[in-house]
Amino acid sequence: MAGNIAVIGNSDSVDYFRILGCRVYATRNGELAEDIFQEVMEGRFKIVLVTEEVFGKYKSLIRDKARGVFPVISVIPDIHGARWKDDSPVLDGVAFRELREAVIKAVGQDISGTIE
């Protein structure tokens, strides 16, 4: 299964996924060569995880590709932008908002337990 998963982001945020057998694509300043990015989006992957930084740079392309069945694209927190309070991550980043919107769309209501 992990062979069907691609992870795109800065190496600090995504290298751990390599241990799980995922295909990792490291970026510089959130950018990946256009041909490689297209290959990942059009390729063999069923799931593509992108960091918040990458999502910010490729938002329109990612949203366009996410309209199809595959790949399933999800935004994950970027380790460099992580904020903590009382030994817990603060849930206010792009990754949390995108996941929350996807869940609301899928189940018809907000089940995140947060108040906006």
PDB file of N, CA and C in Angstrom:
ATOM      1  N   MET A   1       0.814  -1.194   0.000  1.00  0.00           N
ATOM      2  CA  MET A   1       0.000   0.000   0.000  1.00  0.00           C
ATOM      3  C   MET A   1       0.856   1.257   0.000  1.00  0.00           C
ATOM      4  N   ALA A   2       1.932   1.307   0.806  1.00  0.00           N
ATOM      5  CA  ALA A   2       2.763   2.508   0.891  1.00  0.00           C
ATOM      6  C   ALA A   2       3.379   2.870  -0.457  1.00  0.00           C
ATOM      7  N   GLY A   3       3.545   1.899  -1.340  1.00  0.00           N
ATOM      8  CA  GLY A   3       4.074   2.175  -2.666  1.00  0.00           C
ATOM      9  C   GLY A   3       3.137   3.001  -3.524  1.00  0.00           C
ATOM     10  N   ASN A   4       1.890   3.101  -3.103  1.00  0.00           N
ATOM     11  CA  ASN A   4       0.898   3.915  -3.812  1.00  0.00           C
ATOM     12  C   ASN A   4       0.776   5.315  -3.235  1.00  0.00           C
ATOM     13  N   ILE A   5       1.670   5.665  -2.299  1.00  0.00           N
ATOM     14  CA  ILE A   5       1.586   6.957  -1.621  1.00  0.00           C
ATOM     15  C   ILE A   5       2.819   7.797  -1.946  1.00  0.00           C
ATOM     16  N   ALA A   6       2.577   9.029  -2.383  1.00  0.00           N
ATOM     17  CA  ALA A   6       3.655   9.996  -2.614  1.00  0.00           C
ATOM     18  C   ALA A   6       3.516  11.106  -1.581  1.00  0.00           C
ATOM     19  N   VAL A   7       4.648  11.600  -1.111  1.00  0.00           N
ATOM     20  CA  VAL A   7       4.664  12.682  -0.141  1.00  0.00           C
ATOM     21  C   VAL A   7       5.597  13.763  -0.666  1.00  0.00           C
ATOM     22  N   ILE A   8       5.073  14.998  -0.748  1.00  0.00           N
ATOM     23  CA  ILE A   8       5.837  16.112  -1.309  1.00  0.00           C
ATOM     24  C   ILE A   8       5.977  17.201  -0.248  1.00  0.00           C
ATOM     25  N   GLY A   9       7.216  17.623  -0.001  1.00  0.00           N
ATOM     26  CA  GLY A   9       7.454  18.704   0.950  1.00  0.00           C
ATOM     27  C   GLY A   9       8.921  18.812   1.291  1.00  0.00           C
ATOM     28  N   ASN A  10       9.237  19.733   2.207  1.00  0.00           N
ATOM     29  CA  ASN A  10      10.640  19.885   2.599  1.00  0.00           C
ATOM     30  C   ASN A  10      11.094  18.622   3.317  1.00  0.00           C
ATOM     31  N   SER A  11      12.368  18.331   3.214  1.00  0.00           N
ATOM     32  CA  SER A  11      12.874  17.046   3.711  1.00  0.00           C
ATOM     33  C   SER A  11      12.632  16.858   5.205  1.00  0.00           C
ATOM     34  N   ASP A  12      12.692  17.920   5.996  1.00  0.00           N
ATOM     35  CA  ASP A  12      12.448  17.787   7.434  1.00  0.00           C
ATOM     36  C   ASP A  12      11.041  17.279   7.726  1.00  0.00           C
ATOM     37  N   SER A  13      10.091  17.661   6.885  1.00  0.00           N
ATOM     38  CA  SER A  13       8.692  17.288   7.110  1.00  0.00           C
ATOM     39  C   SER A  13       8.315  15.936   6.517  1.00  0.00           C
ATOM     40  N   VAL A  14       9.022  15.489   5.486  1.00  0.00           N
ATOM     41  CA  VAL A  14       8.564  14.294   4.767  1.00  0.00           C
ATOM     42  C   VAL A  14       9.485  13.087   4.821  1.00  0.00           C
ATOM     43  N   ASP A  15      10.721  13.256   5.268  1.00  0.00           N
ATOM     44  CA  ASP A  15      11.653  12.122   5.263  1.00  0.00           C
ATOM     45  C   ASP A  15      11.176  10.935   6.086  1.00  0.00           C
ATOM     46  N   TYR A  16      10.412  11.187   7.131  1.00  0.00           N
ATOM     47  CA  TYR A  16       9.908  10.088   7.964  1.00  0.00           C
ATOM     48  C   TYR A  16       8.988   9.148   7.177  1.00  0.00           C
ATOM     49  N   PHE A  17       8.326   9.659   6.164  1.00  0.00           N
ATOM     50  CA  PHE A  17       7.425   8.828   5.365  1.00  0.00           C
ATOM     51  C   PHE A  17       8.194   7.803   4.535  1.00  0.00           C
ATOM     52  N   ARG A  18       9.453   8.095   4.259  1.00  0.00           N
ATOM     53  CA  ARG A  18      10.299   7.163   3.487  1.00  0.00           C
ATOM     54  C   ARG A  18      10.433   5.839   4.236  1.00  0.00           C
ATOM     55  N   ILE A  19      10.523   5.903   5.556  1.00  0.00           N
ATOM     56  CA  ILE A  19      10.648   4.704   6.386  1.00  0.00           C
ATOM     57  C   ILE A  19       9.426   3.803   6.214  1.00  0.00           C
ATOM     58  N   LEU A  20       8.279   4.407   5.971  1.00  0.00           N
ATOM     59  CA  LEU A  20       7.038   3.655   5.798  1.00  0.00           C
ATOM     60  C   LEU A  20       6.895   3.070   4.396  1.00  0.00           C
ATOM     61  N   GLY A  21       7.827   3.391   3.523  1.00  0.00           N
ATOM     62  CA  GLY A  21       7.787   2.864   2.170  1.00  0.00           C
ATOM     63  C   GLY A  21       7.125   3.788   1.161  1.00  0.00           C
ATOM     64  N   CYS A  22       6.813   4.997   1.574  1.00  0.00           N
ATOM     65  CA  CYS A  22       6.205   5.973   0.661  1.00  0.00           C
ATOM     66  C   CYS A  22       7.285   6.553  -0.250  1.00  0.00           C
ATOM     67  N   ARG A  23       6.867   7.008  -1.407  1.00  0.00           N
ATOM     68  CA  ARG A  23       7.773   7.699  -2.321  1.00  0.00           C
ATOM     69  C   ARG A  23       7.818   9.163  -1.896  1.00  0.00           C
ATOM     70  N   VAL A  24       8.997   9.668  -1.570  1.00  0.00           N
ATOM     71  CA  VAL A  24       9.153  11.013  -1.041  1.00  0.00           C
ATOM     72  C   VAL A  24       9.805  11.915  -2.088  1.00  0.00           C
ATOM     73  N   TYR A  25       9.228  13.096  -2.259  1.00  0.00           N
ATOM     74  CA  TYR A  25       9.768  14.106  -3.158  1.00  0.00           C
ATOM     75  C   TYR A  25      10.079  15.345  -2.338  1.00  0.00           C
ATOM     76  N   ALA A  26      11.383  15.609  -2.146  1.00  0.00           N
ATOM     77  CA  ALA A  26      11.785  16.769  -1.348  1.00  0.00           C
ATOM     78  C   ALA A  26      11.745  18.029  -2.199  1.00  0.00           C
ATOM     79  N   THR A  27      11.322  19.116  -1.582  1.00  0.00           N
ATOM     80  CA  THR A  27      11.206  20.397  -2.280  1.00  0.00           C
ATOM     81  C   THR A  27      12.228  21.382  -1.732  1.00  0.00           C
ATOM     82  N   ARG A  28      12.372  22.460  -2.458  1.00  0.00           N
ATOM     83  CA  ARG A  28      13.157  23.604  -1.994  1.00  0.00           C
ATOM     84  C   ARG A  28      12.226  24.795  -2.006  1.00  0.00           C
ATOM     85  N   ASN A  29      12.051  25.388  -0.833  1.00  0.00           N
ATOM     86  CA  ASN A  29      11.139  26.531  -0.698  1.00  0.00           C
ATOM     87  C   ASN A  29       9.740  26.194  -1.204  1.00  0.00           C
ATOM     88  N   GLY A  30       9.331  24.950  -1.012  1.00  0.00           N
ATOM     89  CA  GLY A  30       7.995  24.528  -1.401  1.00  0.00           C
ATOM     90  C   GLY A  30       7.830  24.238  -2.877  1.00  0.00           C
ATOM     91  N   GLU A  31       8.911  24.306  -3.634  1.00  0.00           N
ATOM     92  CA  GLU A  31       8.818  24.107  -5.075  1.00  0.00           C
ATOM     93  C   GLU A  31       9.458  22.794  -5.495  1.00  0.00           C
ATOM     94  N   LEU A  32       8.814  22.192  -6.481  1.00  0.00           N
ATOM     95  CA  LEU A  32       9.298  20.953  -7.077  1.00  0.00           C
ATOM     96  C   LEU A  32       9.314  21.185  -8.580  1.00  0.00           C
ATOM     97  N   ALA A  33      10.264  20.598  -9.270  1.00  0.00           N
ATOM     98  CA  ALA A  33      10.316  20.773 -10.723  1.00  0.00           C
ATOM     99  C   ALA A  33       8.955  20.435 -11.325  1.00  0.00           C
ATOM    100  N   GLU A  34       8.498  21.291 -12.227  1.00  0.00           N
ATOM    101  CA  GLU A  34       7.164  21.152 -12.809  1.00  0.00           C
ATOM    102  C   GLU A  34       6.911  19.771 -13.411  1.00  0.00           C
ATOM    103  N   ASP A  35       7.899  19.234 -14.133  1.00  0.00           N
ATOM    104  CA  ASP A  35       7.705  17.928 -14.750  1.00  0.00           C
ATOM    105  C   ASP A  35       7.554  16.824 -13.707  1.00  0.00           C
ATOM    106  N   ILE A  36       8.292  16.924 -12.613  1.00  0.00           N
ATOM    107  CA  ILE A  36       8.166  15.919 -11.547  1.00  0.00           C
ATOM    108  C   ILE A  36       6.814  16.058 -10.854  1.00  0.00           C
ATOM    109  N   PHE A  37       6.390  17.302 -10.601  1.00  0.00           N
ATOM    110  CA  PHE A  37       5.091  17.524  -9.969  1.00  0.00           C
ATOM    111  C   PHE A  37       3.969  16.944 -10.827  1.00  0.00           C
ATOM    112  N   GLN A  38       4.014  17.179 -12.124  1.00  0.00           N
ATOM    113  CA  GLN A  38       3.007  16.634 -13.047  1.00  0.00           C
ATOM    114  C   GLN A  38       3.051  15.110 -13.047  1.00  0.00           C
ATOM    115  N   GLU A  39       4.246  14.542 -13.028  1.00  0.00           N
ATOM    116  CA  GLU A  39       4.400  13.086 -13.009  1.00  0.00           C
ATOM    117  C   GLU A  39       3.738  12.480 -11.769  1.00  0.00           C
ATOM    118  N   VAL A  40       3.929  13.114 -10.625  1.00  0.00           N
ATOM    119  CA  VAL A  40       3.336  12.626  -9.387  1.00  0.00           C
ATOM    120  C   VAL A  40       1.816  12.704  -9.475  1.00  0.00           C
ATOM    121  N   MET A  41       1.303  13.817  -9.966  1.00  0.00           N
ATOM    122  CA  MET A  41      -0.147  14.011 -10.034  1.00  0.00           C
ATOM    123  C   MET A  41      -0.816  13.113 -11.081  1.00  0.00           C
ATOM    124  N   GLU A  42      -0.099  12.765 -12.113  1.00  0.00           N
ATOM    125  CA  GLU A  42      -0.668  11.956 -13.191  1.00  0.00           C
ATOM    126  C   GLU A  42      -0.291  10.486 -13.075  1.00  0.00           C
ATOM    127  N   GLY A  43       0.596  10.178 -12.165  1.00  0.00           N
ATOM    128  CA  GLY A  43       1.211   8.865 -12.113  1.00  0.00           C
ATOM    129  C   GLY A  43       0.438   7.787 -11.409  1.00  0.00           C
ATOM    130  N   ARG A  44       1.176   6.880 -10.861  1.00  0.00           N
ATOM    131  CA  ARG A  44       0.648   5.642 -10.302  1.00  0.00           C
ATOM    132  C   ARG A  44       0.141   5.778  -8.877  1.00  0.00           C
ATOM    133  N   PHE A  45       0.251   6.945  -8.291  1.00  0.00           N
ATOM    134  CA  PHE A  45      -0.080   7.094  -6.885  1.00  0.00           C
ATOM    135  C   PHE A  45      -1.579   7.226  -6.637  1.00  0.00           C
ATOM    136  N   LYS A  46      -2.042   6.539  -5.615  1.00  0.00           N
ATOM    137  CA  LYS A  46      -3.449   6.620  -5.200  1.00  0.00           C
ATOM    138  C   LYS A  46      -3.645   7.745  -4.192  1.00  0.00           C
ATOM    139  N   ILE A  47      -2.586   8.007  -3.393  1.00  0.00           N
ATOM    140  CA  ILE A  47      -2.639   9.046  -2.368  1.00  0.00           C
ATOM    141  C   ILE A  47      -1.411   9.932  -2.525  1.00  0.00           C
ATOM    142  N   VAL A  48      -1.644  11.247  -2.487  1.00  0.00           N
ATOM    143  CA  VAL A  48      -0.555  12.205  -2.525  1.00  0.00           C
ATOM    144  C   VAL A  48      -0.722  13.129  -1.320  1.00  0.00           C
ATOM    145  N   LEU A  49       0.295  13.169  -0.475  1.00  0.00           N
ATOM    146  CA  LEU A  49       0.299  14.061   0.675  1.00  0.00           C
ATOM    147  C   LEU A  49       1.235  15.218   0.363  1.00  0.00           C
ATOM    148  N   VAL A  50       0.763  16.439   0.579  1.00  0.00           N
ATOM    149  CA  VAL A  50       1.593  17.616   0.336  1.00  0.00           C
ATOM    150  C   VAL A  50       1.627  18.462   1.604  1.00  0.00           C
ATOM    151  N   THR A  51       2.770  19.066   1.873  1.00  0.00           N
ATOM    152  CA  THR A  51       2.867  19.933   3.038  1.00  0.00           C
ATOM    153  C   THR A  51       2.130  21.242   2.757  1.00  0.00           C
ATOM    154  N   GLU A  52       1.868  21.978   3.821  1.00  0.00           N
ATOM    155  CA  GLU A  52       1.171  23.264   3.694  1.00  0.00           C
ATOM    156  C   GLU A  52       1.926  24.215   2.771  1.00  0.00           C
ATOM    157  N   GLU A  53       3.239  24.197   2.844  1.00  0.00           N
ATOM    158  CA  GLU A  53       4.054  25.059   1.993  1.00  0.00           C
ATOM    159  C   GLU A  53       3.843  24.724   0.515  1.00  0.00           C
ATOM    160  N   VAL A  54       3.844  23.452   0.186  1.00  0.00           N
ATOM    161  CA  VAL A  54       3.622  23.015  -1.203  1.00  0.00           C
ATOM    162  C   VAL A  54       2.200  23.368  -1.632  1.00  0.00           C
ATOM    163  N   PHE A  55       1.236  23.133  -0.764  1.00  0.00           N
ATOM    164  CA  PHE A  55      -0.146  23.457  -1.085  1.00  0.00           C
ATOM    165  C   PHE A  55      -0.284  24.940  -1.413  1.00  0.00           C
ATOM    166  N   GLY A  56       0.403  25.789  -0.664  1.00  0.00           N
ATOM    167  CA  GLY A  56       0.352  27.228  -0.919  1.00  0.00           C
ATOM    168  C   GLY A  56       0.862  27.599  -2.294  1.00  0.00           C
ATOM    169  N   LYS A  57       1.876  26.895  -2.775  1.00  0.00           N
ATOM    170  CA  LYS A  57       2.467  27.203  -4.083  1.00  0.00           C
ATOM    171  C   LYS A  57       1.673  26.608  -5.251  1.00  0.00           C
ATOM    172  N   TYR A  58       1.030  25.458  -5.023  1.00  0.00           N
ATOM    173  CA  TYR A  58       0.361  24.740  -6.118  1.00  0.00           C
ATOM    174  C   TYR A  58      -1.138  24.565  -5.879  1.00  0.00           C
ATOM    175  N   LYS A  59      -1.751  25.456  -5.100  1.00  0.00           N
ATOM    176  CA  LYS A  59      -3.137  25.295  -4.679  1.00  0.00           C
ATOM    177  C   LYS A  59      -4.102  25.050  -5.838  1.00  0.00           C
ATOM    178  N   SER A  60      -4.040  25.845  -6.882  1.00  0.00           N
ATOM    179  CA  SER A  60      -5.002  25.682  -7.979  1.00  0.00           C
ATOM    180  C   SER A  60      -4.804  24.353  -8.706  1.00  0.00           C
ATOM    181  N   LEU A  61      -3.569  23.964  -8.942  1.00  0.00           N
ATOM    182  CA  LEU A  61      -3.303  22.681  -9.609  1.00  0.00           C
ATOM    183  C   LEU A  61      -3.751  21.518  -8.735  1.00  0.00           C
ATOM    184  N   ILE A  62      -3.469  21.595  -7.444  1.00  0.00           N
ATOM    185  CA  ILE A  62      -3.858  20.524  -6.522  1.00  0.00           C
ATOM    186  C   ILE A  62      -5.379  20.405  -6.454  1.00  0.00           C
ATOM    187  N   ARG A  63      -6.056  21.521  -6.332  1.00  0.00           N
ATOM    188  CA  ARG A  63      -7.527  21.480  -6.270  1.00  0.00           C
ATOM    189  C   ARG A  63      -8.113  20.935  -7.568  1.00  0.00           C
ATOM    190  N   ASP A  64      -7.503  21.268  -8.696  1.00  0.00           N
ATOM    191  CA  ASP A  64      -7.970  20.756  -9.982  1.00  0.00           C
ATOM    192  C   ASP A  64      -7.811  19.240 -10.049  1.00  0.00           C
ATOM    193  N   LYS A  65      -6.673  18.729  -9.616  1.00  0.00           N
ATOM    194  CA  LYS A  65      -6.421  17.287  -9.638  1.00  0.00           C
ATOM    195  C   LYS A  65      -7.264  16.543  -8.603  1.00  0.00           C
ATOM    196  N   ALA A  66      -7.605  17.209  -7.512  1.00  0.00           N
ATOM    197  CA  ALA A  66      -8.376  16.571  -6.441  1.00  0.00           C
ATOM    198  C   ALA A  66      -9.833  16.338  -6.821  1.00  0.00           C
ATOM    199  N   ARG A  67     -10.281  16.898  -7.922  1.00  0.00           N
ATOM    200  CA  ARG A  67     -11.668  16.699  -8.368  1.00  0.00           C
ATOM    201  C   ARG A  67     -11.919  15.291  -8.873  1.00  0.00           C
ATOM    202  N   GLY A  68     -10.868  14.618  -9.327  1.00  0.00           N
ATOM    203  CA  GLY A  68     -11.014  13.255  -9.816  1.00  0.00           C
ATOM    204  C   GLY A  68     -11.019  12.253  -8.672  1.00  0.00           C
ATOM    205  N   VAL A  69     -11.133  11.000  -9.042  1.00  0.00           N
ATOM    206  CA  VAL A  69     -11.146   9.943  -8.036  1.00  0.00           C
ATOM    207  C   VAL A  69      -9.738   9.738  -7.465  1.00  0.00           C
ATOM    208  N   PHE A  70      -8.753   9.622  -8.339  1.00  0.00           N
ATOM    209  CA  PHE A  70      -7.360   9.455  -7.907  1.00  0.00           C
ATOM    210  C   PHE A  70      -6.493  10.474  -8.597  1.00  0.00           C
ATOM    211  N   PRO A  71      -5.466  10.927  -7.953  1.00  0.00           N
ATOM    212  CA  PRO A  71      -5.080  10.585  -6.595  1.00  0.00           C
ATOM    213  C   PRO A  71      -5.904  11.341  -5.558  1.00  0.00           C
ATOM    214  N   VAL A  72      -6.017  10.747  -4.390  1.00  0.00           N
ATOM    215  CA  VAL A  72      -6.587  11.448  -3.249  1.00  0.00           C
ATOM    216  C   VAL A  72      -5.467  12.331  -2.724  1.00  0.00           C
ATOM    217  N   ILE A  73      -5.725  13.619  -2.615  1.00  0.00           N
ATOM    218  CA  ILE A  73      -4.686  14.558  -2.205  1.00  0.00           C
ATOM    219  C   ILE A  73      -5.061  15.153  -0.858  1.00  0.00           C
ATOM    220  N   SER A  74      -4.116  15.127   0.064  1.00  0.00           N
ATOM    221  CA  SER A  74      -4.360  15.676   1.399  1.00  0.00           C
ATOM    222  C   SER A  74      -3.192  16.567   1.807  1.00  0.00           C
ATOM    223  N   VAL A  75      -3.508  17.615   2.528  1.00  0.00           N
ATOM    224  CA  VAL A  75      -2.493  18.544   3.022  1.00  0.00           C
ATOM    225  C   VAL A  75      -2.087  18.104   4.421  1.00  0.00           C
ATOM    226  N   ILE A  76      -0.782  18.053   4.661  1.00  0.00           N
ATOM    227  CA  ILE A  76      -0.272  17.686   5.977  1.00  0.00           C
ATOM    228  C   ILE A  76       0.485  18.882   6.556  1.00  0.00           C
ATOM    229  N   PRO A  77       0.541  18.972   7.866  1.00  0.00           N
ATOM    230  CA  PRO A  77       1.267  20.099   8.473  1.00  0.00           C
ATOM    231  C   PRO A  77       2.740  20.089   8.100  1.00  0.00           C
ATOM    232  N   ASP A  78       3.272  21.268   7.972  1.00  0.00           N
ATOM    233  CA  ASP A  78       4.692  21.446   7.700  1.00  0.00           C
ATOM    234  C   ASP A  78       5.403  21.593   9.032  1.00  0.00           C
ATOM    235  N   ILE A  79       6.434  20.842   9.259  1.00  0.00           N
ATOM    236  CA  ILE A  79       7.129  20.852  10.544  1.00  0.00           C
ATOM    237  C   ILE A  79       7.670  22.236  10.901  1.00  0.00           C
ATOM    238  N   HIS A  80       8.033  23.018   9.903  1.00  0.00           N
ATOM    239  CA  HIS A  80       8.592  24.340  10.165  1.00  0.00           C
ATOM    240  C   HIS A  80       7.545  25.341  10.631  1.00  0.00           C
ATOM    241  N   GLY A  81       6.301  25.137  10.265  1.00  0.00           N
ATOM    242  CA  GLY A  81       5.250  26.073  10.656  1.00  0.00           C
ATOM    243  C   GLY A  81       4.430  25.607  11.838  1.00  0.00           C
ATOM    244  N   ALA A  82       4.816  24.500  12.429  1.00  0.00           N
ATOM    245  CA  ALA A  82       4.035  23.926  13.532  1.00  0.00           C
ATOM    246  C   ALA A  82       4.064  24.848  14.748  1.00  0.00           C
ATOM    247  N   ARG A  83       2.887  25.001  15.357  1.00  0.00           N
ATOM    248  CA  ARG A  83       2.776  25.789  16.578  1.00  0.00           C
ATOM    249  C   ARG A  83       2.193  24.913  17.662  1.00  0.00           C
ATOM    250  N   TRP A  84       2.723  25.078  18.869  1.00  0.00           N
ATOM    251  CA  TRP A  84       2.297  24.260  19.995  1.00  0.00           C
ATOM    252  C   TRP A  84       1.836  25.150  21.135  1.00  0.00           C
ATOM    253  N   LYS A  85       0.876  24.649  21.897  1.00  0.00           N
ATOM    254  CA  LYS A  85       0.403  25.335  23.095  1.00  0.00           C
ATOM    255  C   LYS A  85       0.006  24.266  24.101  1.00  0.00           C
ATOM    256  N   ASP A  86       0.517  24.360  25.319  1.00  0.00           N
ATOM    257  CA  ASP A  86       0.221  23.381  26.366  1.00  0.00           C
ATOM    258  C   ASP A  86       0.514  21.953  25.921  1.00  0.00           C
ATOM    259  N   ASP A  87       1.665  21.748  25.280  1.00  0.00           N
ATOM    260  CA  ASP A  87       2.125  20.431  24.822  1.00  0.00           C
ATOM    261  C   ASP A  87       1.228  19.769  23.779  1.00  0.00           C
ATOM    262  N   SER A  88       0.439  20.567  23.064  1.00  0.00           N
ATOM    263  CA  SER A  88      -0.421  20.046  21.994  1.00  0.00           C
ATOM    264  C   SER A  88      -0.302  20.955  20.779  1.00  0.00           C
ATOM    265  N   PRO A  89      -0.437  20.376  19.567  1.00  0.00           N
ATOM    266  CA  PRO A  89      -0.380  21.235  18.381  1.00  0.00           C
ATOM    267  C   PRO A  89      -1.608  22.133  18.306  1.00  0.00           C
ATOM    268  N   VAL A  90      -1.406  23.346  17.832  1.00  0.00           N
ATOM    269  CA  VAL A  90      -2.506  24.282  17.628  1.00  0.00           C
ATOM    270  C   VAL A  90      -3.148  23.957  16.283  1.00  0.00           C
ATOM    271  N   LEU A  91      -4.433  23.687  16.294  1.00  0.00           N
ATOM    272  CA  LEU A  91      -5.133  23.263  15.084  1.00  0.00           C
ATOM    273  C   LEU A  91      -5.724  24.462  14.346  1.00  0.00           C
ATOM    274  N   ASP A  92      -4.865  25.214  13.692  1.00  0.00           N
ATOM    275  CA  ASP A  92      -5.375  26.344  12.931  1.00  0.00           C
ATOM    276  C   ASP A  92      -4.678  26.516  11.589  1.00  0.00           C
ATOM    277  N   GLY A  93      -3.899  25.540  11.196  1.00  0.00           N
ATOM    278  CA  GLY A  93      -3.161  25.637   9.948  1.00  0.00           C
ATOM    279  C   GLY A  93      -3.993  25.243   8.741  1.00  0.00           C
ATOM    280  N   VAL A  94      -3.392  25.401   7.588  1.00  0.00           N
ATOM    281  CA  VAL A  94      -4.027  25.063   6.316  1.00  0.00           C
ATOM    282  C   VAL A  94      -4.414  23.591   6.285  1.00  0.00           C
ATOM    283  N   ALA A  95      -3.535  22.725   6.781  1.00  0.00           N
ATOM    284  CA  ALA A  95      -3.817  21.286   6.748  1.00  0.00           C
ATOM    285  C   ALA A  95      -5.089  20.968   7.516  1.00  0.00           C
ATOM    286  N   PHE A  96      -5.239  21.531   8.694  1.00  0.00           N
ATOM    287  CA  PHE A  96      -6.437  21.269   9.492  1.00  0.00           C
ATOM    288  C   PHE A  96      -7.683  21.805   8.795  1.00  0.00           C
ATOM    289  N   ARG A  97      -7.608  23.012   8.252  1.00  0.00           N
ATOM    290  CA  ARG A  97      -8.783  23.593   7.568  1.00  0.00           C
ATOM    291  C   ARG A  97      -9.191  22.769   6.347  1.00  0.00           C
ATOM    292  N   GLU A  98      -8.214  22.343   5.561  1.00  0.00           N
ATOM    293  CA  GLU A  98      -8.510  21.549   4.363  1.00  0.00           C
ATOM    294  C   GLU A  98      -9.144  20.204   4.739  1.00  0.00           C
ATOM    295  N   LEU A  99      -8.587  19.543   5.745  1.00  0.00           N
ATOM    296  CA  LEU A  99      -9.132  18.262   6.189  1.00  0.00           C
ATOM    297  C   LEU A  99     -10.535  18.450   6.755  1.00  0.00           C
ATOM    298  N   ARG A 100     -10.724  19.491   7.526  1.00  0.00           N
ATOM    299  CA  ARG A 100     -12.039  19.777   8.106  1.00  0.00           C
ATOM    300  C   ARG A 100     -13.080  19.999   7.005  1.00  0.00           C
ATOM    301  N   GLU A 101     -12.728  20.785   5.986  1.00  0.00           N
ATOM    302  CA  GLU A 101     -13.654  21.031   4.870  1.00  0.00           C
ATOM    303  C   GLU A 101     -13.974  19.743   4.123  1.00  0.00           C
ATOM    304  N   ALA A 102     -12.991  18.868   3.950  1.00  0.00           N
ATOM    305  CA  ALA A 102     -13.222  17.598   3.259  1.00  0.00           C
ATOM    306  C   ALA A 102     -14.172  16.713   4.058  1.00  0.00           C
ATOM    307  N   VAL A 103     -14.007  16.688   5.381  1.00  0.00           N
ATOM    308  CA  VAL A 103     -14.882  15.887   6.229  1.00  0.00           C
ATOM    309  C   VAL A 103     -16.296  16.443   6.200  1.00  0.00           C
ATOM    310  N   ILE A 104     -16.437  17.754   6.277  1.00  0.00           N
ATOM    311  CA  ILE A 104     -17.771  18.372   6.207  1.00  0.00           C
ATOM    312  C   ILE A 104     -18.447  18.017   4.883  1.00  0.00           C
ATOM    313  N   LYS A 105     -17.689  18.072   3.807  1.00  0.00           N
ATOM    314  CA  LYS A 105     -18.234  17.724   2.489  1.00  0.00           C
ATOM    315  C   LYS A 105     -18.647  16.251   2.431  1.00  0.00           C
ATOM    316  N   ALA A 106     -17.842  15.386   3.041  1.00  0.00           N
ATOM    317  CA  ALA A 106     -18.103  13.946   2.981  1.00  0.00           C
ATOM    318  C   ALA A 106     -19.264  13.514   3.871  1.00  0.00           C
ATOM    319  N   VAL A 107     -19.356  14.053   5.093  1.00  0.00           N
ATOM    320  CA  VAL A 107     -20.368  13.576   6.030  1.00  0.00           C
ATOM    321  C   VAL A 107     -21.517  14.566   6.236  1.00  0.00           C
ATOM    322  N   GLY A 108     -21.371  15.770   5.711  1.00  0.00           N
ATOM    323  CA  GLY A 108     -22.458  16.749   5.785  1.00  0.00           C
ATOM    324  C   GLY A 108     -22.476  17.597   7.042  1.00  0.00           C
ATOM    325  N   GLN A 109     -21.513  17.400   7.925  1.00  0.00           N
ATOM    326  CA  GLN A 109     -21.447  18.240   9.117  1.00  0.00           C
ATOM    327  C   GLN A 109     -20.040  18.245   9.670  1.00  0.00           C
ATOM    328  N   ASP A 110     -19.781  19.221  10.534  1.00  0.00           N
ATOM    329  CA  ASP A 110     -18.464  19.344  11.163  1.00  0.00           C
ATOM    330  C   ASP A 110     -18.404  18.434  12.379  1.00  0.00           C
ATOM    331  N   ILE A 111     -17.529  17.450  12.327  1.00  0.00           N
ATOM    332  CA  ILE A 111     -17.381  16.535  13.454  1.00  0.00           C
ATOM    333  C   ILE A 111     -16.021  16.682  14.123  1.00  0.00           C
ATOM    334  N   SER A 112     -15.347  17.814  13.836  1.00  0.00           N
ATOM    335  CA  SER A 112     -13.991  18.027  14.359  1.00  0.00           C
ATOM    336  C   SER A 112     -13.962  18.372  15.842  1.00  0.00           C
ATOM    337  N   GLY A 113     -15.085  18.821  16.360  1.00  0.00           N
ATOM    338  CA  GLY A 113     -15.122  19.180  17.774  1.00  0.00           C
ATOM    339  C   GLY A 113     -14.538  20.539  18.065  1.00  0.00           C
ATOM    340  N   THR A 114     -14.242  21.322  17.027  1.00  0.00           N
ATOM    341  CA  THR A 114     -13.722  22.669  17.231  1.00  0.00           C
ATOM    342  C   THR A 114     -14.796  23.685  16.900  1.00  0.00           C
ATOM    343  N   ILE A 115     -14.697  24.816  17.504  1.00  0.00           N
ATOM    344  CA  ILE A 115     -15.632  25.910  17.231  1.00  0.00           C
ATOM    345  C   ILE A 115     -14.877  26.988  16.510  1.00  0.00           C
ATOM    346  N   GLU A 116     -15.433  27.459  15.433  1.00  0.00           N
ATOM    347  CA  GLU A 116     -14.750  28.470  14.639  1.00  0.00           C
ATOM    348  C   GLU A 116     -15.259  29.830  14.957  1.00  0.00           C
TER     349      GLU A 116
END
